[in-house]
Amino acid sequence: MREPRLDVILATAKTLEIDLAEIFNLEKYNFALLLECSQGVIEALIKREENASPDKIFEIIQKVYEYSKKYSGQKLDAAFLAWSIDNDIYRLESQ
């Protein structure tokens, strides 16, 4: 189709679970959530006395932010944060 109707585009995106805002770069960052995720990850790493590189810390923050934004109603998902640190730190130690 050269000119698909809007209802077809929306139905296709819904079926494929695609966020149209991401496709058209309309996504706005939730800076409050990003700050909460950053603080949560750093505090958890300090509490656990984990030593991770800045790149690894940023990777975990991004993962926790994206998960929390998509699945936790724009709130920090503490359980996913803990799981992510466990998973990523374990992977880091085994390398």
PDB file of N, CA and C in Angstrom:
ATOM      1  N   MET A   1       0.842  -1.184   0.000  1.00  0.00           N
ATOM      2  CA  MET A   1       0.000   0.000   0.000  1.00  0.00           C
ATOM      3  C   MET A   1       0.886   1.245   0.000  1.00  0.00           C
ATOM      4  N   ARG A   2       0.597   2.124  -0.901  1.00  0.00           N
ATOM      5  CA  ARG A   2       1.391   3.357  -0.959  1.00  0.00           C
ATOM      6  C   ARG A   2       0.944   4.372   0.079  1.00  0.00           C
ATOM      7  N   GLU A   3      -0.336   4.386   0.361  1.00  0.00           N
ATOM      8  CA  GLU A   3      -0.863   5.331   1.332  1.00  0.00           C
ATOM      9  C   GLU A   3      -1.826   4.608   2.275  1.00  0.00           C
ATOM     10  N   PRO A   4      -1.275   3.887   3.269  1.00  0.00           N
ATOM     11  CA  PRO A   4      -2.154   3.141   4.179  1.00  0.00           C
ATOM     12  C   PRO A   4      -2.974   4.092   5.051  1.00  0.00           C
ATOM     13  N   ARG A   5      -4.167   3.648   5.385  1.00  0.00           N
ATOM     14  CA  ARG A   5      -5.031   4.440   6.261  1.00  0.00           C
ATOM     15  C   ARG A   5      -4.475   4.409   7.681  1.00  0.00           C
ATOM     16  N   LEU A   6      -4.772   5.437   8.440  1.00  0.00           N
ATOM     17  CA  LEU A   6      -4.295   5.553   9.808  1.00  0.00           C
ATOM     18  C   LEU A   6      -4.778   4.385  10.663  1.00  0.00           C
ATOM     19  N   ASP A   7      -6.012   3.955  10.496  1.00  0.00           N
ATOM     20  CA  ASP A   7      -6.531   2.850  11.303  1.00  0.00           C
ATOM     21  C   ASP A   7      -5.773   1.554  11.026  1.00  0.00           C
ATOM     22  N   VAL A   8      -5.300   1.373   9.800  1.00  0.00           N
ATOM     23  CA  VAL A   8      -4.508   0.186   9.450  1.00  0.00           C
ATOM     24  C   VAL A   8      -3.138   0.267  10.120  1.00  0.00           C
ATOM     25  N   ILE A   9      -2.533   1.432  10.095  1.00  0.00           N
ATOM     26  CA  ILE A   9      -1.228   1.631  10.737  1.00  0.00           C
ATOM     27  C   ILE A   9      -1.340   1.376  12.238  1.00  0.00           C
ATOM     28  N   LEU A  10      -2.366   1.946  12.874  1.00  0.00           N
ATOM     29  CA  LEU A  10      -2.547   1.771  14.318  1.00  0.00           C
ATOM     30  C   LEU A  10      -2.814   0.310  14.678  1.00  0.00           C
ATOM     31  N   ALA A  11      -3.638  -0.371  13.895  1.00  0.00           N
ATOM     32  CA  ALA A  11      -3.933  -1.778  14.170  1.00  0.00           C
ATOM     33  C   ALA A  11      -2.692  -2.645  13.998  1.00  0.00           C
ATOM     34  N   THR A  12      -1.915  -2.361  12.979  1.00  0.00           N
ATOM     35  CA  THR A  12      -0.678  -3.110  12.748  1.00  0.00           C
ATOM     36  C   THR A  12       0.303  -2.890  13.889  1.00  0.00           C
ATOM     37  N   ALA A  13       0.468  -1.650  14.298  1.00  0.00           N
ATOM     38  CA  ALA A  13       1.384  -1.340  15.402  1.00  0.00           C
ATOM     39  C   ALA A  13       0.941  -2.025  16.683  1.00  0.00           C
ATOM     40  N   LYS A  14      -0.358  -2.029  16.947  1.00  0.00           N
ATOM     41  CA  LYS A  14      -0.869  -2.684  18.155  1.00  0.00           C
ATOM     42  C   LYS A  14      -0.621  -4.187  18.107  1.00  0.00           C
ATOM     43  N   THR A  15      -0.876  -4.794  16.960  1.00  0.00           N
ATOM     44  CA  THR A  15      -0.674  -6.233  16.796  1.00  0.00           C
ATOM     45  C   THR A  15       0.788  -6.614  16.993  1.00  0.00           C
ATOM     46  N   LEU A  16       1.687  -5.801  16.462  1.00  0.00           N
ATOM     47  CA  LEU A  16       3.124  -6.080  16.559  1.00  0.00           C
ATOM     48  C   LEU A  16       3.749  -5.537  17.840  1.00  0.00           C
ATOM     49  N   GLU A  17       2.912  -4.915  18.695  1.00  0.00           N
ATOM     50  CA  GLU A  17       3.376  -4.319  19.949  1.00  0.00           C
ATOM     51  C   GLU A  17       4.495  -3.318  19.702  1.00  0.00           C
ATOM     52  N   ILE A  18       4.271  -2.441  18.743  1.00  0.00           N
ATOM     53  CA  ILE A  18       5.234  -1.400  18.386  1.00  0.00           C
ATOM     54  C   ILE A  18       4.705  -0.073  18.897  1.00  0.00           C
ATOM     55  N   ASP A  19       5.574   0.678  19.552  1.00  0.00           N
ATOM     56  CA  ASP A  19       5.208   1.997  20.041  1.00  0.00           C
ATOM     57  C   ASP A  19       5.467   3.000  18.917  1.00  0.00           C
ATOM     58  N   LEU A  20       4.397   3.598  18.387  1.00  0.00           N
ATOM     59  CA  LEU A  20       4.550   4.532  17.272  1.00  0.00           C
ATOM     60  C   LEU A  20       5.406   5.735  17.646  1.00  0.00           C
ATOM     61  N   ALA A  21       5.383   6.137  18.899  1.00  0.00           N
ATOM     62  CA  ALA A  21       6.206   7.265  19.324  1.00  0.00           C
ATOM     63  C   ALA A  21       7.683   6.975  19.109  1.00  0.00           C
ATOM     64  N   GLU A  22       8.097   5.733  19.351  1.00  0.00           N
ATOM     65  CA  GLU A  22       9.493   5.370  19.129  1.00  0.00           C
ATOM     66  C   GLU A  22       9.835   5.395  17.643  1.00  0.00           C
ATOM     67  N   ILE A  23       8.923   4.903  16.819  1.00  0.00           N
ATOM     68  CA  ILE A  23       9.178   4.871  15.381  1.00  0.00           C
ATOM     69  C   ILE A  23       9.388   6.283  14.837  1.00  0.00           C
ATOM     70  N   PHE A  24       8.577   7.211  15.284  1.00  0.00           N
ATOM     71  CA  PHE A  24       8.647   8.571  14.776  1.00  0.00           C
ATOM     72  C   PHE A  24       9.488   9.485  15.665  1.00  0.00           C
ATOM     73  N   ASN A  25      10.268   8.897  16.574  1.00  0.00           N
ATOM     74  CA  ASN A  25      11.130   9.644  17.488  1.00  0.00           C
ATOM     75  C   ASN A  25      10.362  10.709  18.267  1.00  0.00           C
ATOM     76  N   LEU A  26       9.162  10.366  18.688  1.00  0.00           N
ATOM     77  CA  LEU A  26       8.350  11.283  19.471  1.00  0.00           C
ATOM     78  C   LEU A  26       8.437  10.995  20.961  1.00  0.00           C
ATOM     79  N   GLU A  27       9.193   9.953  21.310  1.00  0.00           N
ATOM     80  CA  GLU A  27       9.282   9.546  22.705  1.00  0.00           C
ATOM     81  C   GLU A  27       9.940  10.642  23.530  1.00  0.00           C
ATOM     82  N   LYS A  28       9.309  10.959  24.612  1.00  0.00           N
ATOM     83  CA  LYS A  28       9.871  11.928  25.553  1.00  0.00           C
ATOM     84  C   LYS A  28      10.415  11.155  26.739  1.00  0.00           C
ATOM     85  N   TYR A  29      11.568  11.558  27.197  1.00  0.00           N
ATOM     86  CA  TYR A  29      12.141  10.898  28.364  1.00  0.00           C
ATOM     87  C   TYR A  29      11.417  11.358  29.614  1.00  0.00           C
ATOM     88  N   ASN A  30      11.224  10.422  30.502  1.00  0.00           N
ATOM     89  CA  ASN A  30      10.655  10.715  31.803  1.00  0.00           C
ATOM     90  C   ASN A  30      11.857  10.922  32.726  1.00  0.00           C
ATOM     91  N   PHE A  31      12.274  12.178  32.868  1.00  0.00           N
ATOM     92  CA  PHE A  31      13.498  12.474  33.610  1.00  0.00           C
ATOM     93  C   PHE A  31      13.375  12.139  35.090  1.00  0.00           C
ATOM     94  N   ALA A  32      12.186  12.253  35.646  1.00  0.00           N
ATOM     95  CA  ALA A  32      12.001  11.885  37.053  1.00  0.00           C
ATOM     96  C   ALA A  32      12.229  10.381  37.229  1.00  0.00           C
ATOM     97  N   LEU A  33      11.702   9.584  36.303  1.00  0.00           N
ATOM     98  CA  LEU A  33      11.907   8.135  36.367  1.00  0.00           C
ATOM     99  C   LEU A  33      13.376   7.792  36.117  1.00  0.00           C
ATOM    100  N   LEU A  34      14.003   8.472  35.168  1.00  0.00           N
ATOM    101  CA  LEU A  34      15.419   8.228  34.891  1.00  0.00           C
ATOM    102  C   LEU A  34      16.268   8.530  36.131  1.00  0.00           C
ATOM    103  N   LEU A  35      15.974   9.611  36.806  1.00  0.00           N
ATOM    104  CA  LEU A  35      16.693   9.956  38.031  1.00  0.00           C
ATOM    105  C   LEU A  35      16.452   8.904  39.115  1.00  0.00           C
ATOM    106  N   GLU A  36      15.194   8.477  39.268  1.00  0.00           N
ATOM    107  CA  GLU A  36      14.862   7.461  40.272  1.00  0.00           C
ATOM    108  C   GLU A  36      15.595   6.144  39.978  1.00  0.00           C
ATOM    109  N   CYS A  37      15.637   5.751  38.712  1.00  0.00           N
ATOM    110  CA  CYS A  37      16.333   4.515  38.331  1.00  0.00           C
ATOM    111  C   CYS A  37      17.831   4.639  38.571  1.00  0.00           C
ATOM    112  N   SER A  38      18.400   5.784  38.209  1.00  0.00           N
ATOM    113  CA  SER A  38      19.829   6.010  38.407  1.00  0.00           C
ATOM    114  C   SER A  38      20.198   5.936  39.882  1.00  0.00           C
ATOM    115  N   GLN A  39      19.436   6.627  40.708  1.00  0.00           N
ATOM    116  CA  GLN A  39      19.688   6.604  42.146  1.00  0.00           C
ATOM    117  C   GLN A  39      19.508   5.205  42.712  1.00  0.00           C
ATOM    118  N   GLY A  40      18.467   4.519  42.279  1.00  0.00           N
ATOM    119  CA  GLY A  40      18.209   3.168  42.776  1.00  0.00           C
ATOM    120  C   GLY A  40      19.337   2.208  42.453  1.00  0.00           C
ATOM    121  N   VAL A  41      19.813   2.251  41.221  1.00  0.00           N
ATOM    122  CA  VAL A  41      20.905   1.363  40.815  1.00  0.00           C
ATOM    123  C   VAL A  41      22.174   1.687  41.580  1.00  0.00           C
ATOM    124  N   ILE A  42      22.536   2.949  41.651  1.00  0.00           N
ATOM    125  CA  ILE A  42      23.772   3.337  42.340  1.00  0.00           C
ATOM    126  C   ILE A  42      23.694   3.010  43.825  1.00  0.00           C
ATOM    127  N   GLU A  43      22.554   3.290  44.464  1.00  0.00           N
ATOM    128  CA  GLU A  43      22.406   2.968  45.888  1.00  0.00           C
ATOM    129  C   GLU A  43      22.491   1.462  46.122  1.00  0.00           C
ATOM    130  N   ALA A  44      21.893   0.678  45.234  1.00  0.00           N
ATOM    131  CA  ALA A  44      21.948  -0.781  45.388  1.00  0.00           C
ATOM    132  C   ALA A  44      23.376  -1.292  45.220  1.00  0.00           C
ATOM    133  N   LEU A  45      24.104  -0.743  44.270  1.00  0.00           N
ATOM    134  CA  LEU A  45      25.497  -1.164  44.067  1.00  0.00           C
ATOM    135  C   LEU A  45      26.368  -0.792  45.262  1.00  0.00           C
ATOM    136  N   ILE A  46      26.146   0.390  45.819  1.00  0.00           N
ATOM    137  CA  ILE A  46      26.907   0.816  47.002  1.00  0.00           C
ATOM    138  C   ILE A  46      26.572  -0.086  48.187  1.00  0.00           C
ATOM    139  N   LYS A  47      25.284  -0.335  48.411  1.00  0.00           N
ATOM    140  CA  LYS A  47      24.850  -1.169  49.529  1.00  0.00           C
ATOM    141  C   LYS A  47      25.448  -2.572  49.430  1.00  0.00           C
ATOM    142  N   ARG A  48      25.512  -3.097  48.229  1.00  0.00           N
ATOM    143  CA  ARG A  48      26.039  -4.444  48.020  1.00  0.00           C
ATOM    144  C   ARG A  48      27.560  -4.458  47.860  1.00  0.00           C
ATOM    145  N   GLU A  49      28.154  -3.287  47.897  1.00  0.00           N
ATOM    146  CA  GLU A  49      29.604  -3.143  47.740  1.00  0.00           C
ATOM    147  C   GLU A  49      30.107  -3.785  46.449  1.00  0.00           C
ATOM    148  N   GLU A  50      29.322  -3.589  45.382  1.00  0.00           N
ATOM    149  CA  GLU A  50      29.701  -4.091  44.065  1.00  0.00           C
ATOM    150  C   GLU A  50      30.600  -3.066  43.387  1.00  0.00           C
ATOM    151  N   ASN A  51      31.561  -3.540  42.662  1.00  0.00           N
ATOM    152  CA  ASN A  51      32.460  -2.669  41.915  1.00  0.00           C
ATOM    153  C   ASN A  51      32.220  -2.909  40.435  1.00  0.00           C
ATOM    154  N   ALA A  52      31.525  -1.980  39.807  1.00  0.00           N
ATOM    155  CA  ALA A  52      31.214  -2.110  38.390  1.00  0.00           C
ATOM    156  C   ALA A  52      31.730  -0.886  37.653  1.00  0.00           C
ATOM    157  N   SER A  53      32.064  -1.072  36.395  1.00  0.00           N
ATOM    158  CA  SER A  53      32.550   0.037  35.578  1.00  0.00           C
ATOM    159  C   SER A  53      31.391   1.000  35.288  1.00  0.00           C
ATOM    160  N   PRO A  54      31.724   2.249  34.976  1.00  0.00           N
ATOM    161  CA  PRO A  54      30.664   3.194  34.603  1.00  0.00           C
ATOM    162  C   PRO A  54      29.812   2.689  33.438  1.00  0.00           C
ATOM    163  N   ASP A  55      30.444   2.058  32.462  1.00  0.00           N
ATOM    164  CA  ASP A  55      29.681   1.528  31.329  1.00  0.00           C
ATOM    165  C   ASP A  55      28.666   0.493  31.784  1.00  0.00           C
ATOM    166  N   LYS A  56      29.057  -0.385  32.690  1.00  0.00           N
ATOM    167  CA  LYS A  56      28.150  -1.415  33.211  1.00  0.00           C
ATOM    168  C   LYS A  56      27.026  -0.759  34.018  1.00  0.00           C
ATOM    169  N   ILE A  57      27.363   0.247  34.810  1.00  0.00           N
ATOM    170  CA  ILE A  57      26.346   0.954  35.599  1.00  0.00           C
ATOM    171  C   ILE A  57      25.325   1.609  34.680  1.00  0.00           C
ATOM    172  N   PHE A  58      25.801   2.290  33.635  1.00  0.00           N
ATOM    173  CA  PHE A  58      24.894   2.936  32.692  1.00  0.00           C
ATOM    174  C   PHE A  58      24.026   1.910  31.963  1.00  0.00           C
ATOM    175  N   GLU A  59      24.595   0.764  31.648  1.00  0.00           N
ATOM    176  CA  GLU A  59      23.835  -0.301  30.993  1.00  0.00           C
ATOM    177  C   GLU A  59      22.701  -0.786  31.890  1.00  0.00           C
ATOM    178  N   ILE A  60      23.001  -0.968  33.171  1.00  0.00           N
ATOM    179  CA  ILE A  60      21.966  -1.419  34.115  1.00  0.00           C
ATOM    180  C   ILE A  60      20.900  -0.340  34.285  1.00  0.00           C
ATOM    181  N   ILE A  61      21.322   0.913  34.411  1.00  0.00           N
ATOM    182  CA  ILE A  61      20.361   2.012  34.555  1.00  0.00           C
ATOM    183  C   ILE A  61      19.427   2.056  33.352  1.00  0.00           C
ATOM    184  N   GLN A  62      19.989   1.941  32.161  1.00  0.00           N
ATOM    185  CA  GLN A  62      19.159   1.988  30.955  1.00  0.00           C
ATOM    186  C   GLN A  62      18.164   0.837  30.929  1.00  0.00           C
ATOM    187  N   LYS A  63      18.616  -0.343  31.282  1.00  0.00           N
ATOM    188  CA  LYS A  63      17.743  -1.522  31.282  1.00  0.00           C
ATOM    189  C   LYS A  63      16.605  -1.339  32.293  1.00  0.00           C
ATOM    190  N   VAL A  64      16.939  -0.873  33.495  1.00  0.00           N
ATOM    191  CA  VAL A  64      15.930  -0.680  34.537  1.00  0.00           C
ATOM    192  C   VAL A  64      14.953   0.425  34.139  1.00  0.00           C
ATOM    193  N   TYR A  65      15.463   1.497  33.547  1.00  0.00           N
ATOM    194  CA  TYR A  65      14.609   2.605  33.093  1.00  0.00           C
ATOM    195  C   TYR A  65      13.622   2.130  32.032  1.00  0.00           C
ATOM    196  N   GLU A  66      14.125   1.448  31.012  1.00  0.00           N
ATOM    197  CA  GLU A  66      13.261   1.005  29.921  1.00  0.00           C
ATOM    198  C   GLU A  66      12.207   0.014  30.408  1.00  0.00           C
ATOM    199  N   TYR A  67      12.609  -0.911  31.270  1.00  0.00           N
ATOM    200  CA  TYR A  67      11.655  -1.886  31.807  1.00  0.00           C
ATOM    201  C   TYR A  67      10.606  -1.184  32.657  1.00  0.00           C
ATOM    202  N   SER A  68      11.056  -0.312  33.562  1.00  0.00           N
ATOM    203  CA  SER A  68      10.135   0.381  34.458  1.00  0.00           C
ATOM    204  C   SER A  68       9.158   1.248  33.670  1.00  0.00           C
ATOM    205  N   LYS A  69       9.655   1.915  32.660  1.00  0.00           N
ATOM    206  CA  LYS A  69       8.803   2.794  31.857  1.00  0.00           C
ATOM    207  C   LYS A  69       7.734   1.993  31.123  1.00  0.00           C
ATOM    208  N   LYS A  70       8.114   0.844  30.613  1.00  0.00           N
ATOM    209  CA  LYS A  70       7.186   0.058  29.806  1.00  0.00           C
ATOM    210  C   LYS A  70       6.229  -0.791  30.638  1.00  0.00           C
ATOM    211  N   TYR A  71       6.727  -1.381  31.728  1.00  0.00           N
ATOM    212  CA  TYR A  71       5.931  -2.386  32.439  1.00  0.00           C
ATOM    213  C   TYR A  71       5.468  -1.991  33.834  1.00  0.00           C
ATOM    214  N   SER A  72       5.955  -0.902  34.374  1.00  0.00           N
ATOM    215  CA  SER A  72       5.639  -0.581  35.772  1.00  0.00           C
ATOM    216  C   SER A  72       4.910   0.746  35.937  1.00  0.00           C
ATOM    217  N   GLY A  73       4.254   1.182  34.908  1.00  0.00           N
ATOM    218  CA  GLY A  73       3.458   2.396  35.027  1.00  0.00           C
ATOM    219  C   GLY A  73       4.271   3.627  35.342  1.00  0.00           C
ATOM    220  N   GLN A  74       5.434   3.732  34.732  1.00  0.00           N
ATOM    221  CA  GLN A  74       6.297   4.901  34.905  1.00  0.00           C
ATOM    222  C   GLN A  74       6.848   5.036  36.327  1.00  0.00           C
ATOM    223  N   LYS A  75       6.940   3.916  37.040  1.00  0.00           N
ATOM    224  CA  LYS A  75       7.520   3.909  38.386  1.00  0.00           C
ATOM    225  C   LYS A  75       8.666   2.907  38.413  1.00  0.00           C
ATOM    226  N   LEU A  76       9.646   3.168  39.249  1.00  0.00           N
ATOM    227  CA  LEU A  76      10.780   2.266  39.396  1.00  0.00           C
ATOM    228  C   LEU A  76      10.290   0.887  39.817  1.00  0.00           C
ATOM    229  N   ASP A  77      10.711  -0.121  39.112  1.00  0.00           N
ATOM    230  CA  ASP A  77      10.388  -1.504  39.457  1.00  0.00           C
ATOM    231  C   ASP A  77      11.561  -2.053  40.273  1.00  0.00           C
ATOM    232  N   ALA A  78      11.415  -2.019  41.592  1.00  0.00           N
ATOM    233  CA  ALA A  78      12.501  -2.419  42.491  1.00  0.00           C
ATOM    234  C   ALA A  78      12.895  -3.882  42.323  1.00  0.00           C
ATOM    235  N   ALA A  79      11.924  -4.738  42.059  1.00  0.00           N
ATOM    236  CA  ALA A  79      12.223  -6.161  41.871  1.00  0.00           C
ATOM    237  C   ALA A  79      13.055  -6.372  40.615  1.00  0.00           C
ATOM    238  N   PHE A  80      12.718  -5.664  39.541  1.00  0.00           N
ATOM    239  CA  PHE A  80      13.501  -5.790  38.312  1.00  0.00           C
ATOM    240  C   PHE A  80      14.896  -5.194  38.512  1.00  0.00           C
ATOM    241  N   LEU A  81      14.978  -4.101  39.266  1.00  0.00           N
ATOM    242  CA  LEU A  81      16.283  -3.505  39.559  1.00  0.00           C
ATOM    243  C   LEU A  81      17.177  -4.534  40.241  1.00  0.00           C
ATOM    244  N   ALA A  82      16.671  -5.188  41.272  1.00  0.00           N
ATOM    245  CA  ALA A  82      17.462  -6.197  41.999  1.00  0.00           C
ATOM    246  C   ALA A  82      17.833  -7.349  41.073  1.00  0.00           C
ATOM    247  N   TRP A  83      16.885  -7.822  40.284  1.00  0.00           N
ATOM    248  CA  TRP A  83      17.154  -8.923  39.352  1.00  0.00           C
ATOM    249  C   TRP A  83      18.214  -8.519  38.336  1.00  0.00           C
ATOM    250  N   SER A  84      18.098  -7.310  37.830  1.00  0.00           N
ATOM    251  CA  SER A  84      19.029  -6.842  36.807  1.00  0.00           C
ATOM    252  C   SER A  84      20.448  -6.748  37.361  1.00  0.00           C
ATOM    253  N   ILE A  85      20.577  -6.239  38.570  1.00  0.00           N
ATOM    254  CA  ILE A  85      21.910  -6.156  39.177  1.00  0.00           C
ATOM    255  C   ILE A  85      22.459  -7.559  39.411  1.00  0.00           C
ATOM    256  N   ASP A  86      21.653  -8.446  39.962  1.00  0.00           N
ATOM    257  CA  ASP A  86      22.099  -9.826  40.171  1.00  0.00           C
ATOM    258  C   ASP A  86      22.556 -10.450  38.856  1.00  0.00           C
ATOM    259  N   ASN A  87      21.753 -10.307  37.839  1.00  0.00           N
ATOM    260  CA  ASN A  87      22.044 -10.905  36.536  1.00  0.00           C
ATOM    261  C   ASN A  87      23.289 -10.292  35.903  1.00  0.00           C
ATOM    262  N   ASP A  88      23.376  -8.970  35.886  1.00  0.00           N
ATOM    263  CA  ASP A  88      24.501  -8.308  35.231  1.00  0.00           C
ATOM    264  C   ASP A  88      25.804  -8.452  36.010  1.00  0.00           C
ATOM    265  N   ILE A  89      25.744  -8.385  37.317  1.00  0.00           N
ATOM    266  CA  ILE A  89      26.962  -8.545  38.130  1.00  0.00           C
ATOM    267  C   ILE A  89      27.465  -9.973  38.011  1.00  0.00           C
ATOM    268  N   TYR A  90      26.556 -10.946  38.044  1.00  0.00           N
ATOM    269  CA  TYR A  90      26.959 -12.348  37.893  1.00  0.00           C
ATOM    270  C   TYR A  90      27.640 -12.547  36.542  1.00  0.00           C
ATOM    271  N   ARG A  91      27.030 -11.976  35.493  1.00  0.00           N
ATOM    272  CA  ARG A  91      27.598 -12.094  34.153  1.00  0.00           C
ATOM    273  C   ARG A  91      28.966 -11.421  34.093  1.00  0.00           C
ATOM    274  N   LEU A  92      29.103 -10.293  34.762  1.00  0.00           N
ATOM    275  CA  LEU A  92      30.367  -9.582  34.775  1.00  0.00           C
ATOM    276  C   LEU A  92      31.461 -10.397  35.475  1.00  0.00           C
ATOM    277  N   GLU A  93      31.088 -10.998  36.611  1.00  0.00           N
ATOM    278  CA  GLU A  93      32.064 -11.796  37.368  1.00  0.00           C
ATOM    279  C   GLU A  93      32.480 -13.060  36.625  1.00  0.00           C
ATOM    280  N   SER A  94      31.577 -13.631  35.829  1.00  0.00           N
ATOM    281  CA  SER A  94      31.886 -14.892  35.149  1.00  0.00           C
ATOM    282  C   SER A  94      32.679 -14.672  33.861  1.00  0.00           C
ATOM    283  N   GLN A  95      32.904 -13.435  33.464  1.00  0.00           N
ATOM    284  CA  GLN A  95      33.656 -13.174  32.241  1.00  0.00           C
ATOM    285  C   GLN A  95      35.142 -13.149  32.507  1.00  0.00           C
TER     286      GLN A  95
END
